Amino acid sequence: MDLHGYLVLWCGVFGIVALVGYARSPAGMPRAQRAVRVMGRIEEVREPRHGSSQKDWILVVVFFRDVSTGRSSP
């Protein structure tokens, strides 16, 4: 293999390493995976009214402590 072949091989290897690094970095992760995981507690659960539309949602209020400020918030 001549010098040109080694140069192409090394560029290919570094390119693959760069792509793998980008895929594993925060820029390559979906927003949900970049979120900080904190403990929370379920404060309230409201079910839809009986006989309401099937499109109504179940409301769940979760309290958690903000890591940066230390305050509790819903």
PDB file of N, CA and C in Angstrom:
ATOM      1  N   MET A   1       0.859  -1.169   0.000  1.00  0.00           N
ATOM      2  CA  MET A   1       0.000   0.000   0.000  1.00  0.00           C
ATOM      3  C   MET A   1       0.912   1.242   0.000  1.00  0.00           C
ATOM      4  N   ASP A   2       0.594   2.167  -0.873  1.00  0.00           N
ATOM      5  CA  ASP A   2       1.425   3.375  -0.974  1.00  0.00           C
ATOM      6  C   ASP A   2       0.928   4.455  -0.009  1.00  0.00           C
ATOM      7  N   LEU A   3       1.565   5.596  -0.051  1.00  0.00           N
ATOM      8  CA  LEU A   3       1.254   6.703   0.855  1.00  0.00           C
ATOM      9  C   LEU A   3      -0.188   7.176   0.684  1.00  0.00           C
ATOM     10  N   HIS A   4      -0.664   7.233  -0.539  1.00  0.00           N
ATOM     11  CA  HIS A   4      -2.036   7.660  -0.798  1.00  0.00           C
ATOM     12  C   HIS A   4      -3.049   6.698  -0.164  1.00  0.00           C
ATOM     13  N   GLY A   5      -2.783   5.418  -0.230  1.00  0.00           N
ATOM     14  CA  GLY A   5      -3.676   4.425   0.375  1.00  0.00           C
ATOM     15  C   GLY A   5      -3.760   4.578   1.889  1.00  0.00           C
ATOM     16  N   TYR A   6      -2.584   4.800   2.532  1.00  0.00           N
ATOM     17  CA  TYR A   6      -2.581   5.000   3.987  1.00  0.00           C
ATOM     18  C   TYR A   6      -3.323   6.283   4.367  1.00  0.00           C
ATOM     19  N   LEU A   7      -3.160   7.329   3.564  1.00  0.00           N
ATOM     20  CA  LEU A   7      -3.843   8.588   3.837  1.00  0.00           C
ATOM     21  C   LEU A   7      -5.361   8.413   3.747  1.00  0.00           C
ATOM     22  N   VAL A   8      -5.828   7.725   2.754  1.00  0.00           N
ATOM     23  CA  VAL A   8      -7.261   7.464   2.593  1.00  0.00           C
ATOM     24  C   VAL A   8      -7.773   6.612   3.753  1.00  0.00           C
ATOM     25  N   LEU A   9      -7.001   5.602   4.158  1.00  0.00           N
ATOM     26  CA  LEU A   9      -7.398   4.750   5.272  1.00  0.00           C
ATOM     27  C   LEU A   9      -7.520   5.549   6.569  1.00  0.00           C
ATOM     28  N   TRP A  10      -6.512   6.381   6.865  1.00  0.00           N
ATOM     29  CA  TRP A  10      -6.550   7.178   8.103  1.00  0.00           C
ATOM     30  C   TRP A  10      -7.689   8.188   8.089  1.00  0.00           C
ATOM     31  N   CYS A  11      -7.945   8.813   6.947  1.00  0.00           N
ATOM     32  CA  CYS A  11      -9.070   9.756   6.853  1.00  0.00           C
ATOM     33  C   CYS A  11     -10.401   9.035   7.071  1.00  0.00           C
ATOM     34  N   GLY A  12     -10.511   7.847   6.533  1.00  0.00           N
ATOM     35  CA  GLY A  12     -11.728   7.067   6.740  1.00  0.00           C
ATOM     36  C   GLY A  12     -11.922   6.690   8.199  1.00  0.00           C
ATOM     37  N   VAL A  13     -10.849   6.251   8.845  1.00  0.00           N
ATOM     38  CA  VAL A  13     -10.931   5.868  10.263  1.00  0.00           C
ATOM     39  C   VAL A  13     -11.314   7.071  11.111  1.00  0.00           C
ATOM     40  N   PHE A  14     -10.653   8.214  10.904  1.00  0.00           N
ATOM     41  CA  PHE A  14     -10.976   9.408  11.689  1.00  0.00           C
ATOM     42  C   PHE A  14     -12.391   9.904  11.395  1.00  0.00           C
ATOM     43  N   GLY A  15     -12.848   9.757  10.170  1.00  0.00           N
ATOM     44  CA  GLY A  15     -14.221  10.144   9.831  1.00  0.00           C
ATOM     45  C   GLY A  15     -15.242   9.288  10.563  1.00  0.00           C
ATOM     46  N   ILE A  16     -15.000   7.998  10.629  1.00  0.00           N
ATOM     47  CA  ILE A  16     -15.912   7.101  11.345  1.00  0.00           C
ATOM     48  C   ILE A  16     -15.912   7.411  12.837  1.00  0.00           C
ATOM     49  N   VAL A  17     -14.727   7.653  13.393  1.00  0.00           N
ATOM     50  CA  VAL A  17     -14.645   8.003  14.822  1.00  0.00           C
ATOM     51  C   VAL A  17     -15.405   9.302  15.091  1.00  0.00           C
ATOM     52  N   ALA A  18     -15.288  10.280  14.205  1.00  0.00           N
ATOM     53  CA  ALA A  18     -16.000  11.547  14.374  1.00  0.00           C
ATOM     54  C   ALA A  18     -17.506  11.343  14.309  1.00  0.00           C
ATOM     55  N   LEU A  19     -17.981  10.519  13.399  1.00  0.00           N
ATOM     56  CA  LEU A  19     -19.416  10.252  13.295  1.00  0.00           C
ATOM     57  C   LEU A  19     -19.951   9.529  14.529  1.00  0.00           C
ATOM     58  N   VAL A  20     -19.195   8.570  15.029  1.00  0.00           N
ATOM     59  CA  VAL A  20     -19.615   7.857  16.242  1.00  0.00           C
ATOM     60  C   VAL A  20     -19.633   8.822  17.429  1.00  0.00           C
ATOM     61  N   GLY A  21     -18.632   9.696  17.530  1.00  0.00           N
ATOM     62  CA  GLY A  21     -18.609  10.680  18.611  1.00  0.00           C
ATOM     63  C   GLY A  21     -19.775  11.633  18.536  1.00  0.00           C
ATOM     64  N   TYR A  22     -20.135  12.075  17.334  1.00  0.00           N
ATOM     65  CA  TYR A  22     -21.284  12.959  17.180  1.00  0.00           C
ATOM     66  C   TYR A  22     -22.574  12.248  17.554  1.00  0.00           C
ATOM     67  N   ALA A  23     -22.711  11.003  17.149  1.00  0.00           N
ATOM     68  CA  ALA A  23     -23.936  10.260  17.450  1.00  0.00           C
ATOM     69  C   ALA A  23     -24.113  10.044  18.947  1.00  0.00           C
ATOM     70  N   ARG A  24     -23.015   9.956  19.689  1.00  0.00           N
ATOM     71  CA  ARG A  24     -23.102   9.735  21.132  1.00  0.00           C
ATOM     72  C   ARG A  24     -23.105  11.030  21.927  1.00  0.00           C
ATOM     73  N   SER A  25     -22.883  12.168  21.287  1.00  0.00           N
ATOM     74  CA  SER A  25     -22.839  13.449  21.982  1.00  0.00           C
ATOM     75  C   SER A  25     -24.258  13.953  22.246  1.00  0.00           C
ATOM     76  N   PRO A  26     -24.417  14.971  23.110  1.00  0.00           N
ATOM     77  CA  PRO A  26     -25.754  15.524  23.359  1.00  0.00           C
ATOM     78  C   PRO A  26     -26.418  16.061  22.103  1.00  0.00           C
ATOM     79  N   ALA A  27     -25.644  16.511  21.128  1.00  0.00           N
ATOM     80  CA  ALA A  27     -26.237  17.028  19.899  1.00  0.00           C
ATOM     81  C   ALA A  27     -26.917  15.919  19.107  1.00  0.00           C
ATOM     82  N   GLY A  28     -26.469  14.688  19.264  1.00  0.00           N
ATOM     83  CA  GLY A  28     -27.047  13.586  18.522  1.00  0.00           C
ATOM     84  C   GLY A  28     -28.166  12.878  19.262  1.00  0.00           C
ATOM     85  N   MET A  29     -28.495  13.342  20.476  1.00  0.00           N
ATOM     86  CA  MET A  29     -29.543  12.691  21.268  1.00  0.00           C
ATOM     87  C   MET A  29     -30.869  13.420  21.111  1.00  0.00           C
ATOM     88  N   PRO A  30     -31.950  12.707  21.193  1.00  0.00           N
ATOM     89  CA  PRO A  30     -33.252  13.378  21.222  1.00  0.00           C
ATOM     90  C   PRO A  30     -33.388  14.214  22.504  1.00  0.00           C
ATOM     91  N   ARG A  31     -34.321  15.160  22.490  1.00  0.00           N
ATOM     92  CA  ARG A  31     -34.499  16.067  23.620  1.00  0.00           C
ATOM     93  C   ARG A  31     -34.801  15.317  24.915  1.00  0.00           C
ATOM     94  N   ALA A  32     -35.578  14.253  24.844  1.00  0.00           N
ATOM     95  CA  ALA A  32     -35.930  13.507  26.052  1.00  0.00           C
ATOM     96  C   ALA A  32     -34.711  12.867  26.704  1.00  0.00           C
ATOM     97  N   GLN A  33     -33.729  12.469  25.931  1.00  0.00           N
ATOM     98  CA  GLN A  33     -32.534  11.856  26.504  1.00  0.00           C
ATOM     99  C   GLN A  33     -31.586  12.886  27.085  1.00  0.00           C
ATOM    100  N   ARG A  34     -31.699  14.164  26.665  1.00  0.00           N
ATOM    101  CA  ARG A  34     -30.847  15.202  27.217  1.00  0.00           C
ATOM    102  C   ARG A  34     -31.393  15.735  28.535  1.00  0.00           C
ATOM    103  N   ALA A  35     -32.615  15.388  28.891  1.00  0.00           N
ATOM    104  CA  ALA A  35     -33.242  15.901  30.103  1.00  0.00           C
ATOM    105  C   ALA A  35     -32.530  15.385  31.346  1.00  0.00           C
ATOM    106  N   VAL A  36     -32.551  16.189  32.389  1.00  0.00           N
ATOM    107  CA  VAL A  36     -31.973  15.802  33.669  1.00  0.00           C
ATOM    108  C   VAL A  36     -33.011  15.000  34.435  1.00  0.00           C
ATOM    109  N   ARG A  37     -32.606  13.893  34.986  1.00  0.00           N
ATOM    110  CA  ARG A  37     -33.542  13.056  35.728  1.00  0.00           C
ATOM    111  C   ARG A  37     -33.546  13.475  37.189  1.00  0.00           C
ATOM    112  N   VAL A  38     -34.724  13.790  37.695  1.00  0.00           N
ATOM    113  CA  VAL A  38     -34.887  14.188  39.092  1.00  0.00           C
ATOM    114  C   VAL A  38     -36.037  13.397  39.693  1.00  0.00           C
ATOM    115  N   MET A  39     -35.991  13.248  41.007  1.00  0.00           N
ATOM    116  CA  MET A  39     -37.072  12.566  41.705  1.00  0.00           C
ATOM    117  C   MET A  39     -38.260  13.514  41.810  1.00  0.00           C
ATOM    118  N   GLY A  40     -39.441  12.991  41.678  1.00  0.00           N
ATOM    119  CA  GLY A  40     -40.661  13.790  41.804  1.00  0.00           C
ATOM    120  C   GLY A  40     -41.707  12.996  42.551  1.00  0.00           C
ATOM    121  N   ARG A  41     -42.740  13.696  42.962  1.00  0.00           N
ATOM    122  CA  ARG A  41     -43.842  12.995  43.635  1.00  0.00           C
ATOM    123  C   ARG A  41     -45.145  13.395  42.972  1.00  0.00           C
ATOM    124  N   ILE A  42     -46.038  12.440  42.846  1.00  0.00           N
ATOM    125  CA  ILE A  42     -47.343  12.698  42.252  1.00  0.00           C
ATOM    126  C   ILE A  42     -48.205  13.365  43.309  1.00  0.00           C
ATOM    127  N   GLU A  43     -48.655  14.564  43.009  1.00  0.00           N
ATOM    128  CA  GLU A  43     -49.427  15.354  43.951  1.00  0.00           C
ATOM    129  C   GLU A  43     -50.924  15.158  43.754  1.00  0.00           C
ATOM    130  N   GLU A  44     -51.354  15.059  42.510  1.00  0.00           N
ATOM    131  CA  GLU A  44     -52.782  14.995  42.240  1.00  0.00           C
ATOM    132  C   GLU A  44     -53.019  14.257  40.924  1.00  0.00           C
ATOM    133  N   VAL A  45     -54.095  13.482  40.883  1.00  0.00           N
ATOM    134  CA  VAL A  45     -54.509  12.797  39.656  1.00  0.00           C
ATOM    135  C   VAL A  45     -55.985  13.091  39.455  1.00  0.00           C
ATOM    136  N   ARG A  46     -56.317  13.665  38.308  1.00  0.00           N
ATOM    137  CA  ARG A  46     -57.715  13.958  37.989  1.00  0.00           C
ATOM    138  C   ARG A  46     -58.126  13.118  36.793  1.00  0.00           C
ATOM    139  N   GLU A  47     -59.138  12.318  37.006  1.00  0.00           N
ATOM    140  CA  GLU A  47     -59.672  11.497  35.919  1.00  0.00           C
ATOM    141  C   GLU A  47     -60.730  12.283  35.162  1.00  0.00           C
ATOM    142  N   PRO A  48     -60.966  11.955  33.901  1.00  0.00           N
ATOM    143  CA  PRO A  48     -62.029  12.639  33.153  1.00  0.00           C
ATOM    144  C   PRO A  48     -63.388  12.357  33.791  1.00  0.00           C
ATOM    145  N   ARG A  49     -64.310  13.294  33.592  1.00  0.00           N
ATOM    146  CA  ARG A  49     -65.661  13.101  34.134  1.00  0.00           C
ATOM    147  C   ARG A  49     -66.309  11.879  33.495  1.00  0.00           C
ATOM    148  N   HIS A  50     -67.156  11.234  34.247  1.00  0.00           N
ATOM    149  CA  HIS A  50     -67.877  10.061  33.733  1.00  0.00           C
ATOM    150  C   HIS A  50     -68.777  10.498  32.581  1.00  0.00           C
ATOM    151  N   GLY A  51     -68.685   9.808  31.481  1.00  0.00           N
ATOM    152  CA  GLY A  51     -69.506  10.127  30.322  1.00  0.00           C
ATOM    153  C   GLY A  51     -68.911  11.195  29.427  1.00  0.00           C
ATOM    154  N   SER A  52     -67.706  11.650  29.714  1.00  0.00           N
ATOM    155  CA  SER A  52     -67.095  12.678  28.872  1.00  0.00           C
ATOM    156  C   SER A  52     -66.526  12.041  27.610  1.00  0.00           C
ATOM    157  N   SER A  53     -65.990  12.872  26.762  1.00  0.00           N
ATOM    158  CA  SER A  53     -65.435  12.414  25.494  1.00  0.00           C
ATOM    159  C   SER A  53     -64.260  11.468  25.732  1.00  0.00           C
ATOM    160  N   GLN A  54     -64.037  10.546  24.798  1.00  0.00           N
ATOM    161  CA  GLN A  54     -62.908   9.621  24.910  1.00  0.00           C
ATOM    162  C   GLN A  54     -61.585  10.334  24.653  1.00  0.00           C
ATOM    163  N   LYS A  55     -61.649  11.567  24.160  1.00  0.00           N
ATOM    164  CA  LYS A  55     -60.435  12.326  23.892  1.00  0.00           C
ATOM    165  C   LYS A  55     -59.935  13.067  25.123  1.00  0.00           C
ATOM    166  N   ASP A  56     -60.699  13.075  26.205  1.00  0.00           N
ATOM    167  CA  ASP A  56     -60.252  13.743  27.426  1.00  0.00           C
ATOM    168  C   ASP A  56     -59.059  13.011  28.013  1.00  0.00           C
ATOM    169  N   TRP A  57     -58.187  13.755  28.656  1.00  0.00           N
ATOM    170  CA  TRP A  57     -56.954  13.211  29.193  1.00  0.00           C
ATOM    171  C   TRP A  57     -57.051  13.072  30.699  1.00  0.00           C
ATOM    172  N   ILE A  58     -56.184  12.245  31.252  1.00  0.00           N
ATOM    173  CA  ILE A  58     -56.037  12.146  32.698  1.00  0.00           C
ATOM    174  C   ILE A  58     -54.964  13.152  33.095  1.00  0.00           C
ATOM    175  N   LEU A  59     -55.325  14.084  33.983  1.00  0.00           N
ATOM    176  CA  LEU A  59     -54.394  15.112  34.417  1.00  0.00           C
ATOM    177  C   LEU A  59     -53.608  14.601  35.620  1.00  0.00           C
ATOM    178  N   VAL A  60     -52.289  14.664  35.533  1.00  0.00           N
ATOM    179  CA  VAL A  60     -51.419  14.249  36.628  1.00  0.00           C
ATOM    180  C   VAL A  60     -50.511  15.425  36.962  1.00  0.00           C
ATOM    181  N   VAL A  61     -50.532  15.862  38.249  1.00  0.00           N
ATOM    182  CA  VAL A  61     -49.677  16.951  38.705  1.00  0.00           C
ATOM    183  C   VAL A  61     -48.507  16.330  39.461  1.00  0.00           C
ATOM    184  N   VAL A  62     -47.291  16.619  39.009  1.00  0.00           N
ATOM    185  CA  VAL A  62     -46.083  16.063  39.609  1.00  0.00           C
ATOM    186  C   VAL A  62     -45.239  17.212  40.153  1.00  0.00           C
ATOM    187  N   PHE A  63     -44.818  17.125  41.416  1.00  0.00           N
ATOM    188  CA  PHE A  63     -43.918  18.107  42.007  1.00  0.00           C
ATOM    189  C   PHE A  63     -42.512  17.541  42.005  1.00  0.00           C
ATOM    190  N   PHE A  64     -41.550  18.406  41.724  1.00  0.00           N
ATOM    191  CA  PHE A  64     -40.149  18.001  41.744  1.00  0.00           C
ATOM    192  C   PHE A  64     -39.311  19.171  42.234  1.00  0.00           C
ATOM    193  N   ARG A  65     -38.115  18.886  42.688  1.00  0.00           N
ATOM    194  CA  ARG A  65     -37.184  19.922  43.152  1.00  0.00           C
ATOM    195  C   ARG A  65     -36.232  20.261  42.011  1.00  0.00           C
ATOM    196  N   ASP A  66     -36.187  21.550  41.670  1.00  0.00           N
ATOM    197  CA  ASP A  66     -35.312  22.018  40.602  1.00  0.00           C
ATOM    198  C   ASP A  66     -33.865  21.890  41.058  1.00  0.00           C
ATOM    199  N   VAL A  67     -33.044  21.237  40.250  1.00  0.00           N
ATOM    200  CA  VAL A  67     -31.659  20.974  40.616  1.00  0.00           C
ATOM    201  C   VAL A  67     -30.859  22.275  40.714  1.00  0.00           C
ATOM    202  N   SER A  68     -31.091  23.212  39.831  1.00  0.00           N
ATOM    203  CA  SER A  68     -30.285  24.431  39.800  1.00  0.00           C
ATOM    204  C   SER A  68     -30.652  25.416  40.908  1.00  0.00           C
ATOM    205  N   THR A  69     -31.936  25.515  41.272  1.00  0.00           N
ATOM    206  CA  THR A  69     -32.343  26.501  42.277  1.00  0.00           C
ATOM    207  C   THR A  69     -32.691  25.882  43.623  1.00  0.00           C
ATOM    208  N   GLY A  70     -33.057  24.608  43.652  1.00  0.00           N
ATOM    209  CA  GLY A  70     -33.434  23.950  44.891  1.00  0.00           C
ATOM    210  C   GLY A  70     -34.875  24.174  45.280  1.00  0.00           C
ATOM    211  N   ARG A  71     -35.652  24.880  44.437  1.00  0.00           N
ATOM    212  CA  ARG A  71     -37.052  25.157  44.740  1.00  0.00           C
ATOM    213  C   ARG A  71     -37.927  24.024  44.219  1.00  0.00           C
ATOM    214  N   SER A  72     -39.047  23.778  44.918  1.00  0.00           N
ATOM    215  CA  SER A  72     -40.030  22.811  44.454  1.00  0.00           C
ATOM    216  C   SER A  72     -40.975  23.501  43.486  1.00  0.00           C
ATOM    217  N   SER A  73     -41.357  22.785  42.425  1.00  0.00           N
ATOM    218  CA  SER A  73     -42.276  23.378  41.467  1.00  0.00           C
ATOM    219  C   SER A  73     -43.105  22.272  40.836  1.00  0.00           C
ATOM    220  N   PRO A  74     -44.323  22.624  40.428  1.00  0.00           N
ATOM    221  CA  PRO A  74     -45.191  21.630  39.749  1.00  0.00           C
ATOM    222  C   PRO A  74     -44.829  21.485  38.296  1.00  0.00           C
TER     223      PRO A  74
END
